[in-house]
Amino acid sequence: MSDVSNARPAAVVTGASEGIGAELARVFAEKGHDVAIVARRGDRLRALADEIAAKGSSRPAVIELDLLAHGAIETLAARLSEAGLAPQYLVNNAGFGLLGRIAELDQAEQLAMIDLNIRALTALTLRFLPSLTETRGGVLNVASVASFMPGPGFAVYYATKAFVRSFSEAISHELKPAGVKVSCLCPGPVATGFQARAGMSFEGLMGAMKPALVPAEEVARQGYDGLMAGKRVVVPGTMNKVMIWSARLSPRAILLPLLGAAQMKRA
């Protein structure tokens, strides 16, 4: 039986308990989509669902789930089915970073980062692709400006986001004939819970990168608009575009020590 048989098409947003994920859930709901919000912190998801419903949109389905848990993808599929929802838009926002040298960071945490940022994102896309195709929907993968450059001091995180962007651009081409849009959202630094999880000091980052900062709500809105327009890569903020352009032109012998020094200032 098809995922969309007797089900309402919905936008499924992972990592929706705060930050960009929560803002993306708000935007999709505001635009009239049924929404399912997924994250580990159920209390925050329920509060977000209540807020969205209070503004007149349909109350999102709340799915409290750790995407790194065994069988999580099938659990999510089952929960969506129970709620009478079929994925039309998949928003792969769940992810985290770790600041520090790879030899000094916890190995298990670094591998968990790869599992969430890459493996879970890919598994979700593959699992729900039939539903996305049948509903002629789309995928919005949240990467980062980090995807355009190497990141000494943030090596594994930058590498995972490079995968996300490469994967997104490739499947955007593959899936276009089927009517499925794929966009990769590449924000710069945004004031969210990401910094605390990564072991970063956002206060120290503010002074140096304030011109590049785009609020989470604007990042989400540009991500949504870019997806609906079929834009492959969305980079919010002029300074972030300049940063990417500069990184592409800079010799690695110059860029690597500069980026490494900048990362260590974030600690």
C-alpha atoms as a PDB file:
ATOM      1  CA  MET A   1       0.000   0.000   0.000  1.00  0.00           C
ATOM      2  CA  SER A   2       1.291   3.492  -0.832  1.00  0.00           C
ATOM      3  CA  ASP A   3       2.353   5.831   1.967  1.00  0.00           C
ATOM      4  CA  VAL A   4      -0.179   8.390   0.727  1.00  0.00           C
ATOM      5  CA  SER A   5      -3.219   6.103   0.572  1.00  0.00           C
ATOM      6  CA  ASN A   6      -5.930   7.612   2.777  1.00  0.00           C
ATOM      7  CA  ALA A   7      -3.372   9.982   4.320  1.00  0.00           C
ATOM      8  CA  ARG A   8      -2.937  13.744   4.405  1.00  0.00           C
ATOM      9  CA  PRO A   9       0.236  15.090   2.784  1.00  0.00           C
ATOM     10  CA  ALA A  10       2.458  16.690   5.411  1.00  0.00           C
ATOM     11  CA  ALA A  11       5.759  18.435   5.973  1.00  0.00           C
ATOM     12  CA  VAL A  12       7.971  16.384   8.300  1.00  0.00           C
ATOM     13  CA  VAL A  13      10.497  18.567  10.144  1.00  0.00           C
ATOM     14  CA  THR A  14      13.289  16.919  12.136  1.00  0.00           C
ATOM     15  CA  GLY A  15      15.226  18.715  14.849  1.00  0.00           C
ATOM     16  CA  ALA A  16      12.166  20.904  15.370  1.00  0.00           C
ATOM     17  CA  SER A  17      12.456  21.546  19.101  1.00  0.00           C
ATOM     18  CA  GLU A  18      14.267  24.882  18.681  1.00  0.00           C
ATOM     19  CA  GLY A  19      16.178  27.184  16.382  1.00  0.00           C
ATOM     20  CA  ILE A  20      15.958  26.849  12.620  1.00  0.00           C
ATOM     21  CA  GLY A  21      13.938  23.634  12.861  1.00  0.00           C
ATOM     22  CA  ALA A  22      11.235  25.248  14.971  1.00  0.00           C
ATOM     23  CA  GLU A  23      11.135  28.232  12.639  1.00  0.00           C
ATOM     24  CA  LEU A  24      10.792  25.976   9.607  1.00  0.00           C
ATOM     25  CA  ALA A  25       7.858  24.218  11.282  1.00  0.00           C
ATOM     26  CA  ARG A  26       6.235  27.615  11.887  1.00  0.00           C
ATOM     27  CA  VAL A  27       6.716  28.652   8.256  1.00  0.00           C
ATOM     28  CA  PHE A  28       5.291  25.428   6.813  1.00  0.00           C
ATOM     29  CA  ALA A  29       2.285  25.648   9.151  1.00  0.00           C
ATOM     30  CA  GLU A  30       1.754  29.319   8.299  1.00  0.00           C
ATOM     31  CA  LYS A  31       1.733  28.401   4.604  1.00  0.00           C
ATOM     32  CA  GLY A  32      -1.087  25.936   5.187  1.00  0.00           C
ATOM     33  CA  HIS A  33       0.745  22.616   5.323  1.00  0.00           C
ATOM     34  CA  ASP A  34      -0.031  19.859   7.781  1.00  0.00           C
ATOM     35  CA  VAL A  35       3.149  19.462   9.801  1.00  0.00           C
ATOM     36  CA  ALA A  36       4.802  16.704  11.823  1.00  0.00           C
ATOM     37  CA  ILE A  37       7.554  17.856  14.176  1.00  0.00           C
ATOM     38  CA  VAL A  38      10.243  15.422  15.276  1.00  0.00           C
ATOM     39  CA  ALA A  39      12.886  15.714  18.005  1.00  0.00           C
ATOM     40  CA  ARG A  40      14.036  14.163  21.281  1.00  0.00           C
ATOM     41  CA  ARG A  41      12.581  16.844  23.555  1.00  0.00           C
ATOM     42  CA  GLY A  42       8.863  16.219  23.623  1.00  0.00           C
ATOM     43  CA  ASP A  43       8.072  19.059  26.000  1.00  0.00           C
ATOM     44  CA  ARG A  44       9.450  21.619  23.563  1.00  0.00           C
ATOM     45  CA  LEU A  45       7.664  19.991  20.637  1.00  0.00           C
ATOM     46  CA  ARG A  46       4.335  20.109  22.482  1.00  0.00           C
ATOM     47  CA  ALA A  47       4.864  23.766  23.372  1.00  0.00           C
ATOM     48  CA  LEU A  48       5.634  24.548  19.724  1.00  0.00           C
ATOM     49  CA  ALA A  49       2.579  22.616  18.536  1.00  0.00           C
ATOM     50  CA  ASP A  50       0.373  24.530  20.986  1.00  0.00           C
ATOM     51  CA  GLU A  51       1.825  27.847  19.799  1.00  0.00           C
ATOM     52  CA  ILE A  52       1.232  27.016  16.135  1.00  0.00           C
ATOM     53  CA  ALA A  53      -2.334  25.890  16.824  1.00  0.00           C
ATOM     54  CA  ALA A  54      -3.027  29.055  18.835  1.00  0.00           C
ATOM     55  CA  LYS A  55      -2.191  31.097  15.734  1.00  0.00           C
ATOM     56  CA  GLY A  56      -4.915  29.360  13.735  1.00  0.00           C
ATOM     57  CA  SER A  57      -2.936  26.688  11.890  1.00  0.00           C
ATOM     58  CA  SER A  58      -3.538  22.962  12.207  1.00  0.00           C
ATOM     59  CA  ARG A  59      -1.823  21.581  15.294  1.00  0.00           C
ATOM     60  CA  PRO A  60       1.323  19.710  14.234  1.00  0.00           C
ATOM     61  CA  ALA A  61       1.691  16.030  15.011  1.00  0.00           C
ATOM     62  CA  VAL A  62       4.268  15.687  17.787  1.00  0.00           C
ATOM     63  CA  ILE A  63       6.711  12.812  17.394  1.00  0.00           C
ATOM     64  CA  GLU A  64       9.165  12.517  20.264  1.00  0.00           C
ATOM     65  CA  LEU A  65      12.001  10.440  18.844  1.00  0.00           C
ATOM     66  CA  ASP A  66      15.766  10.062  18.916  1.00  0.00           C
ATOM     67  CA  LEU A  67      16.780   9.555  15.289  1.00  0.00           C
ATOM     68  CA  LEU A  68      19.917   7.727  16.453  1.00  0.00           C
ATOM     69  CA  ALA A  69      17.893   5.060  18.246  1.00  0.00           C
ATOM     70  CA  HIS A  70      17.743   1.578  16.728  1.00  0.00           C
ATOM     71  CA  GLY A  71      14.857   1.343  14.263  1.00  0.00           C
ATOM     72  CA  ALA A  72      14.098   5.073  14.524  1.00  0.00           C
ATOM     73  CA  ILE A  73      13.310   5.554  10.830  1.00  0.00           C
ATOM     74  CA  GLU A  74      10.676   2.821  10.795  1.00  0.00           C
ATOM     75  CA  THR A  75       9.320   4.082  14.105  1.00  0.00           C
ATOM     76  CA  LEU A  76       8.873   7.505  12.535  1.00  0.00           C
ATOM     77  CA  ALA A  77       7.160   5.993   9.499  1.00  0.00           C
ATOM     78  CA  ALA A  78       4.770   4.102  11.766  1.00  0.00           C
ATOM     79  CA  ARG A  79       3.990   7.177  13.864  1.00  0.00           C
ATOM     80  CA  LEU A  80       3.232   9.202  10.752  1.00  0.00           C
ATOM     81  CA  SER A  81       0.941   6.476   9.484  1.00  0.00           C
ATOM     82  CA  GLU A  82      -0.874   6.357  12.838  1.00  0.00           C
ATOM     83  CA  ALA A  83      -1.398  10.121  12.593  1.00  0.00           C
ATOM     84  CA  GLY A  84      -2.850   9.723   9.096  1.00  0.00           C
ATOM     85  CA  LEU A  85       0.011  11.620   7.495  1.00  0.00           C
ATOM     86  CA  ALA A  86       2.197  10.932   4.464  1.00  0.00           C
ATOM     87  CA  PRO A  87       5.416  12.889   3.877  1.00  0.00           C
ATOM     88  CA  GLN A  88       5.103  15.394   1.054  1.00  0.00           C
ATOM     89  CA  TYR A  89       7.986  17.567   2.239  1.00  0.00           C
ATOM     90  CA  LEU A  90      10.906  16.234   4.258  1.00  0.00           C
ATOM     91  CA  VAL A  91      12.943  18.786   6.160  1.00  0.00           C
ATOM     92  CA  ASN A  92      16.195  17.214   7.341  1.00  0.00           C
ATOM     93  CA  ASN A  93      17.257  19.712   9.967  1.00  0.00           C
ATOM     94  CA  ALA A  94      18.386  17.454  12.838  1.00  0.00           C
ATOM     95  CA  GLY A  95      22.127  17.589  13.414  1.00  0.00           C
ATOM     96  CA  PHE A  96      24.880  18.850  15.684  1.00  0.00           C
ATOM     97  CA  GLY A  97      28.511  19.923  15.683  1.00  0.00           C
ATOM     98  CA  LEU A  98      31.490  19.605  18.009  1.00  0.00           C
ATOM     99  CA  LEU A  99      34.194  22.235  18.330  1.00  0.00           C
ATOM    100  CA  GLY A 100      37.731  21.040  18.993  1.00  0.00           C
ATOM    101  CA  ARG A 101      40.593  19.006  17.589  1.00  0.00           C
ATOM    102  CA  ILE A 102      39.618  15.498  16.525  1.00  0.00           C
ATOM    103  CA  ALA A 103      42.320  13.905  18.697  1.00  0.00           C
ATOM    104  CA  GLU A 104      40.857  15.604  21.770  1.00  0.00           C
ATOM    105  CA  LEU A 105      37.121  15.156  21.169  1.00  0.00           C
ATOM    106  CA  ASP A 106      35.207  12.072  22.245  1.00  0.00           C
ATOM    107  CA  GLN A 107      35.360   9.490  19.460  1.00  0.00           C
ATOM    108  CA  ALA A 108      31.862   8.118  20.059  1.00  0.00           C
ATOM    109  CA  GLU A 109      30.368  11.595  19.882  1.00  0.00           C
ATOM    110  CA  GLN A 110      32.157  12.342  16.630  1.00  0.00           C
ATOM    111  CA  LEU A 111      30.840   9.125  15.092  1.00  0.00           C
ATOM    112  CA  ALA A 112      27.346   9.915  16.397  1.00  0.00           C
ATOM    113  CA  MET A 113      27.611  13.244  14.595  1.00  0.00           C
ATOM    114  CA  ILE A 114      28.257  11.403  11.337  1.00  0.00           C
ATOM    115  CA  ASP A 115      25.363   9.045  12.049  1.00  0.00           C
ATOM    116  CA  LEU A 116      22.905  11.899  12.606  1.00  0.00           C
ATOM    117  CA  ASN A 117      24.155  14.503  10.148  1.00  0.00           C
ATOM    118  CA  ILE A 118      24.719  12.035   7.296  1.00  0.00           C
ATOM    119  CA  ARG A 119      23.336   8.546   7.859  1.00  0.00           C
ATOM    120  CA  ALA A 120      19.969   9.521   9.364  1.00  0.00           C
ATOM    121  CA  LEU A 121      19.447  12.266   6.777  1.00  0.00           C
ATOM    122  CA  THR A 122      20.154   9.837   3.946  1.00  0.00           C
ATOM    123  CA  ALA A 123      18.029   7.068   5.468  1.00  0.00           C
ATOM    124  CA  LEU A 124      15.057   9.396   5.925  1.00  0.00           C
ATOM    125  CA  THR A 125      15.330  10.597   2.338  1.00  0.00           C
ATOM    126  CA  LEU A 126      15.468   7.063   0.973  1.00  0.00           C
ATOM    127  CA  ARG A 127      12.654   5.794   3.207  1.00  0.00           C
ATOM    128  CA  PHE A 128      10.193   8.533   2.301  1.00  0.00           C
ATOM    129  CA  LEU A 129      11.177   9.015  -1.346  1.00  0.00           C
ATOM    130  CA  PRO A 130       8.195   7.018  -2.706  1.00  0.00           C
ATOM    131  CA  SER A 131       5.771   9.250  -0.788  1.00  0.00           C
ATOM    132  CA  LEU A 132       7.609  12.424  -1.815  1.00  0.00           C
ATOM    133  CA  THR A 133       7.476  11.305  -5.437  1.00  0.00           C
ATOM    134  CA  GLU A 134       3.806  10.384  -5.365  1.00  0.00           C
ATOM    135  CA  THR A 135       2.851  13.725  -3.810  1.00  0.00           C
ATOM    136  CA  ARG A 136       5.317  15.643  -6.025  1.00  0.00           C
ATOM    137  CA  GLY A 137       6.803  17.229  -2.940  1.00  0.00           C
ATOM    138  CA  GLY A 138      10.350  17.955  -1.932  1.00  0.00           C
ATOM    139  CA  VAL A 139      13.326  17.692   0.400  1.00  0.00           C
ATOM    140  CA  LEU A 140      14.935  20.560   2.268  1.00  0.00           C
ATOM    141  CA  ASN A 141      18.301  19.561   3.715  1.00  0.00           C
ATOM    142  CA  VAL A 142      19.871  21.948   6.199  1.00  0.00           C
ATOM    143  CA  ALA A 143      23.627  22.212   5.714  1.00  0.00           C
ATOM    144  CA  SER A 144      25.773  25.288   6.430  1.00  0.00           C
ATOM    145  CA  VAL A 145      28.218  27.708   4.862  1.00  0.00           C
ATOM    146  CA  ALA A 146      30.663  25.207   6.395  1.00  0.00           C
ATOM    147  CA  SER A 147      29.822  22.890   3.500  1.00  0.00           C
ATOM    148  CA  PHE A 148      31.875  25.067   1.143  1.00  0.00           C
ATOM    149  CA  MET A 149      35.210  24.861   3.010  1.00  0.00           C
ATOM    150  CA  PRO A 150      37.369  22.691   5.280  1.00  0.00           C
ATOM    151  CA  GLY A 151      37.106  23.330   9.011  1.00  0.00           C
ATOM    152  CA  PRO A 152      40.150  22.723  11.194  1.00  0.00           C
ATOM    153  CA  GLY A 153      38.871  22.702  14.752  1.00  0.00           C
ATOM    154  CA  PHE A 154      35.446  21.652  13.478  1.00  0.00           C
ATOM    155  CA  ALA A 155      36.646  19.021  11.031  1.00  0.00           C
ATOM    156  CA  VAL A 156      33.971  16.332  11.256  1.00  0.00           C
ATOM    157  CA  TYR A 157      31.069  18.797  11.332  1.00  0.00           C
ATOM    158  CA  TYR A 158      32.302  20.668   8.246  1.00  0.00           C
ATOM    159  CA  ALA A 159      32.826  17.365   6.444  1.00  0.00           C
ATOM    160  CA  THR A 160      29.304  16.165   7.241  1.00  0.00           C
ATOM    161  CA  LYS A 161      27.822  19.360   5.871  1.00  0.00           C
ATOM    162  CA  ALA A 162      29.903  19.028   2.698  1.00  0.00           C
ATOM    163  CA  PHE A 163      28.261  15.629   2.227  1.00  0.00           C
ATOM    164  CA  VAL A 164      24.800  17.121   2.767  1.00  0.00           C
ATOM    165  CA  ARG A 165      25.321  19.784   0.117  1.00  0.00           C
ATOM    166  CA  SER A 166      26.868  17.391  -2.416  1.00  0.00           C
ATOM    167  CA  PHE A 167      24.111  14.818  -1.842  1.00  0.00           C
ATOM    168  CA  SER A 168      21.406  17.471  -2.116  1.00  0.00           C
ATOM    169  CA  GLU A 169      22.704  18.949  -5.360  1.00  0.00           C
ATOM    170  CA  ALA A 170      23.080  15.524  -6.957  1.00  0.00           C
ATOM    171  CA  ILE A 171      19.615  14.256  -6.063  1.00  0.00           C
ATOM    172  CA  SER A 172      18.049  17.571  -7.032  1.00  0.00           C
ATOM    173  CA  HIS A 173      19.142  16.727 -10.578  1.00  0.00           C
ATOM    174  CA  GLU A 174      18.101  13.068 -10.320  1.00  0.00           C
ATOM    175  CA  LEU A 175      14.650  13.747  -8.897  1.00  0.00           C
ATOM    176  CA  LYS A 176      13.679  16.768 -10.977  1.00  0.00           C
ATOM    177  CA  PRO A 177      12.084  14.668 -13.754  1.00  0.00           C
ATOM    178  CA  ALA A 178       9.871  13.039 -11.108  1.00  0.00           C
ATOM    179  CA  GLY A 179       8.641  16.438  -9.936  1.00  0.00           C
ATOM    180  CA  VAL A 180      10.454  16.293  -6.594  1.00  0.00           C
ATOM    181  CA  LYS A 181      12.225  19.492  -5.543  1.00  0.00           C
ATOM    182  CA  VAL A 182      15.431  19.295  -3.500  1.00  0.00           C
ATOM    183  CA  SER A 183      17.050  22.309  -1.873  1.00  0.00           C
ATOM    184  CA  CYS A 184      20.037  22.658   0.424  1.00  0.00           C
ATOM    185  CA  LEU A 185      19.819  25.462   2.983  1.00  0.00           C
ATOM    186  CA  CYS A 186      23.265  26.794   3.931  1.00  0.00           C
ATOM    187  CA  PRO A 187      23.003  29.360   6.741  1.00  0.00           C
ATOM    188  CA  GLY A 188      25.900  31.022   8.482  1.00  0.00           C
ATOM    189  CA  PRO A 189      26.060  31.304  12.290  1.00  0.00           C
ATOM    190  CA  VAL A 190      22.605  31.613  13.877  1.00  0.00           C
ATOM    191  CA  ALA A 191      21.882  32.137  17.574  1.00  0.00           C
ATOM    192  CA  THR A 192      20.365  28.742  18.532  1.00  0.00           C
ATOM    193  CA  GLY A 193      21.085  25.861  20.906  1.00  0.00           C
ATOM    194  CA  PHE A 194      23.635  24.595  18.362  1.00  0.00           C
ATOM    195  CA  GLN A 195      26.424  26.636  19.946  1.00  0.00           C
ATOM    196  CA  ALA A 196      25.990  25.164  23.429  1.00  0.00           C
ATOM    197  CA  ARG A 197      25.878  21.603  22.043  1.00  0.00           C
ATOM    198  CA  ALA A 198      29.016  22.255  20.000  1.00  0.00           C
ATOM    199  CA  GLY A 199      30.950  23.693  22.933  1.00  0.00           C
ATOM    200  CA  MET A 200      31.123  27.149  21.383  1.00  0.00           C
ATOM    201  CA  SER A 201      30.918  30.595  22.904  1.00  0.00           C
ATOM    202  CA  PHE A 202      28.385  32.481  20.808  1.00  0.00           C
ATOM    203  CA  GLU A 203      29.254  35.720  22.597  1.00  0.00           C
ATOM    204  CA  GLY A 204      32.802  35.531  21.259  1.00  0.00           C
ATOM    205  CA  LEU A 205      31.470  34.836  17.786  1.00  0.00           C
ATOM    206  CA  MET A 206      29.073  37.779  17.799  1.00  0.00           C
ATOM    207  CA  GLY A 207      31.668  40.525  17.499  1.00  0.00           C
ATOM    208  CA  ALA A 208      33.637  38.989  14.645  1.00  0.00           C
ATOM    209  CA  MET A 209      30.699  37.739  12.588  1.00  0.00           C
ATOM    210  CA  LYS A 210      27.850  40.077  13.464  1.00  0.00           C
ATOM    211  CA  PRO A 211      27.498  41.349   9.867  1.00  0.00           C
ATOM    212  CA  ALA A 212      26.931  37.761   8.663  1.00  0.00           C
ATOM    213  CA  LEU A 213      24.239  36.886  11.187  1.00  0.00           C
ATOM    214  CA  VAL A 214      20.745  36.263   9.810  1.00  0.00           C
ATOM    215  CA  PRO A 215      17.904  35.563  12.296  1.00  0.00           C
ATOM    216  CA  ALA A 216      16.628  31.986  12.420  1.00  0.00           C
ATOM    217  CA  GLU A 217      13.153  33.040  11.301  1.00  0.00           C
ATOM    218  CA  GLU A 218      14.557  34.705   8.166  1.00  0.00           C
ATOM    219  CA  VAL A 219      16.782  31.693   7.441  1.00  0.00           C
ATOM    220  CA  ALA A 220      13.697  29.460   7.640  1.00  0.00           C
ATOM    221  CA  ARG A 221      11.628  31.714   5.409  1.00  0.00           C
ATOM    222  CA  GLN A 222      14.338  31.856   2.755  1.00  0.00           C
ATOM    223  CA  GLY A 223      14.734  28.079   2.989  1.00  0.00           C
ATOM    224  CA  TYR A 224      11.018  27.530   2.439  1.00  0.00           C
ATOM    225  CA  ASP A 225      10.850  30.002  -0.444  1.00  0.00           C
ATOM    226  CA  GLY A 226      13.939  28.490  -2.045  1.00  0.00           C
ATOM    227  CA  LEU A 227      12.515  24.978  -1.845  1.00  0.00           C
ATOM    228  CA  MET A 228       9.194  25.998  -3.365  1.00  0.00           C
ATOM    229  CA  ALA A 229      11.051  27.818  -6.152  1.00  0.00           C
ATOM    230  CA  GLY A 230      13.164  24.725  -6.863  1.00  0.00           C
ATOM    231  CA  LYS A 231      16.425  26.441  -5.922  1.00  0.00           C
ATOM    232  CA  ARG A 232      19.240  23.916  -5.425  1.00  0.00           C
ATOM    233  CA  VAL A 233      21.242  25.871  -2.832  1.00  0.00           C
ATOM    234  CA  VAL A 234      19.978  28.668  -0.582  1.00  0.00           C
ATOM    235  CA  VAL A 235      22.514  30.878   1.230  1.00  0.00           C
ATOM    236  CA  PRO A 236      20.814  33.507   3.408  1.00  0.00           C
ATOM    237  CA  GLY A 237      22.708  36.781   3.858  1.00  0.00           C
ATOM    238  CA  THR A 238      25.031  38.762   1.610  1.00  0.00           C
ATOM    239  CA  MET A 239      28.027  38.380   3.933  1.00  0.00           C
ATOM    240  CA  ASN A 240      27.642  34.609   3.906  1.00  0.00           C
ATOM    241  CA  LYS A 241      27.689  34.622   0.102  1.00  0.00           C
ATOM    242  CA  VAL A 242      30.853  36.745   0.184  1.00  0.00           C
ATOM    243  CA  MET A 243      32.436  34.353   2.694  1.00  0.00           C
ATOM    244  CA  ILE A 244      31.774  31.391   0.408  1.00  0.00           C
ATOM    245  CA  TRP A 245      33.114  33.229  -2.649  1.00  0.00           C
ATOM    246  CA  SER A 246      36.278  34.203  -0.750  1.00  0.00           C
ATOM    247  CA  ALA A 247      36.843  30.646   0.493  1.00  0.00           C
ATOM    248  CA  ARG A 248      36.579  29.295  -3.049  1.00  0.00           C
ATOM    249  CA  LEU A 249      39.218  31.722  -4.312  1.00  0.00           C
ATOM    250  CA  SER A 250      41.664  31.389  -1.407  1.00  0.00           C
ATOM    251  CA  PRO A 251      44.575  28.922  -1.655  1.00  0.00           C
ATOM    252  CA  ARG A 252      44.217  26.159   0.932  1.00  0.00           C
ATOM    253  CA  ALA A 253      47.679  26.962   2.334  1.00  0.00           C
ATOM    254  CA  ILE A 254      46.286  30.341   3.394  1.00  0.00           C
ATOM    255  CA  LEU A 255      42.695  29.335   4.132  1.00  0.00           C
ATOM    256  CA  LEU A 256      43.363  26.395   6.474  1.00  0.00           C
ATOM    257  CA  PRO A 257      45.394  28.263   9.123  1.00  0.00           C
ATOM    258  CA  LEU A 258      42.976  31.198   8.995  1.00  0.00           C
ATOM    259  CA  LEU A 259      39.953  28.958   9.526  1.00  0.00           C
ATOM    260  CA  GLY A 260      41.721  26.971  12.231  1.00  0.00           C
ATOM    261  CA  ALA A 261      42.587  30.118  14.159  1.00  0.00           C
ATOM    262  CA  ALA A 262      39.038  31.448  13.781  1.00  0.00           C
ATOM    263  CA  GLN A 263      37.523  28.219  15.128  1.00  0.00           C
ATOM    264  CA  MET A 264      39.700  28.226  18.212  1.00  0.00           C
ATOM    265  CA  LYS A 265      38.496  31.760  19.028  1.00  0.00           C
ATOM    266  CA  ARG A 266      34.980  30.353  19.311  1.00  0.00           C
ATOM    267  CA  ALA A 267      35.860  28.077  22.238  1.00  0.00           C
END
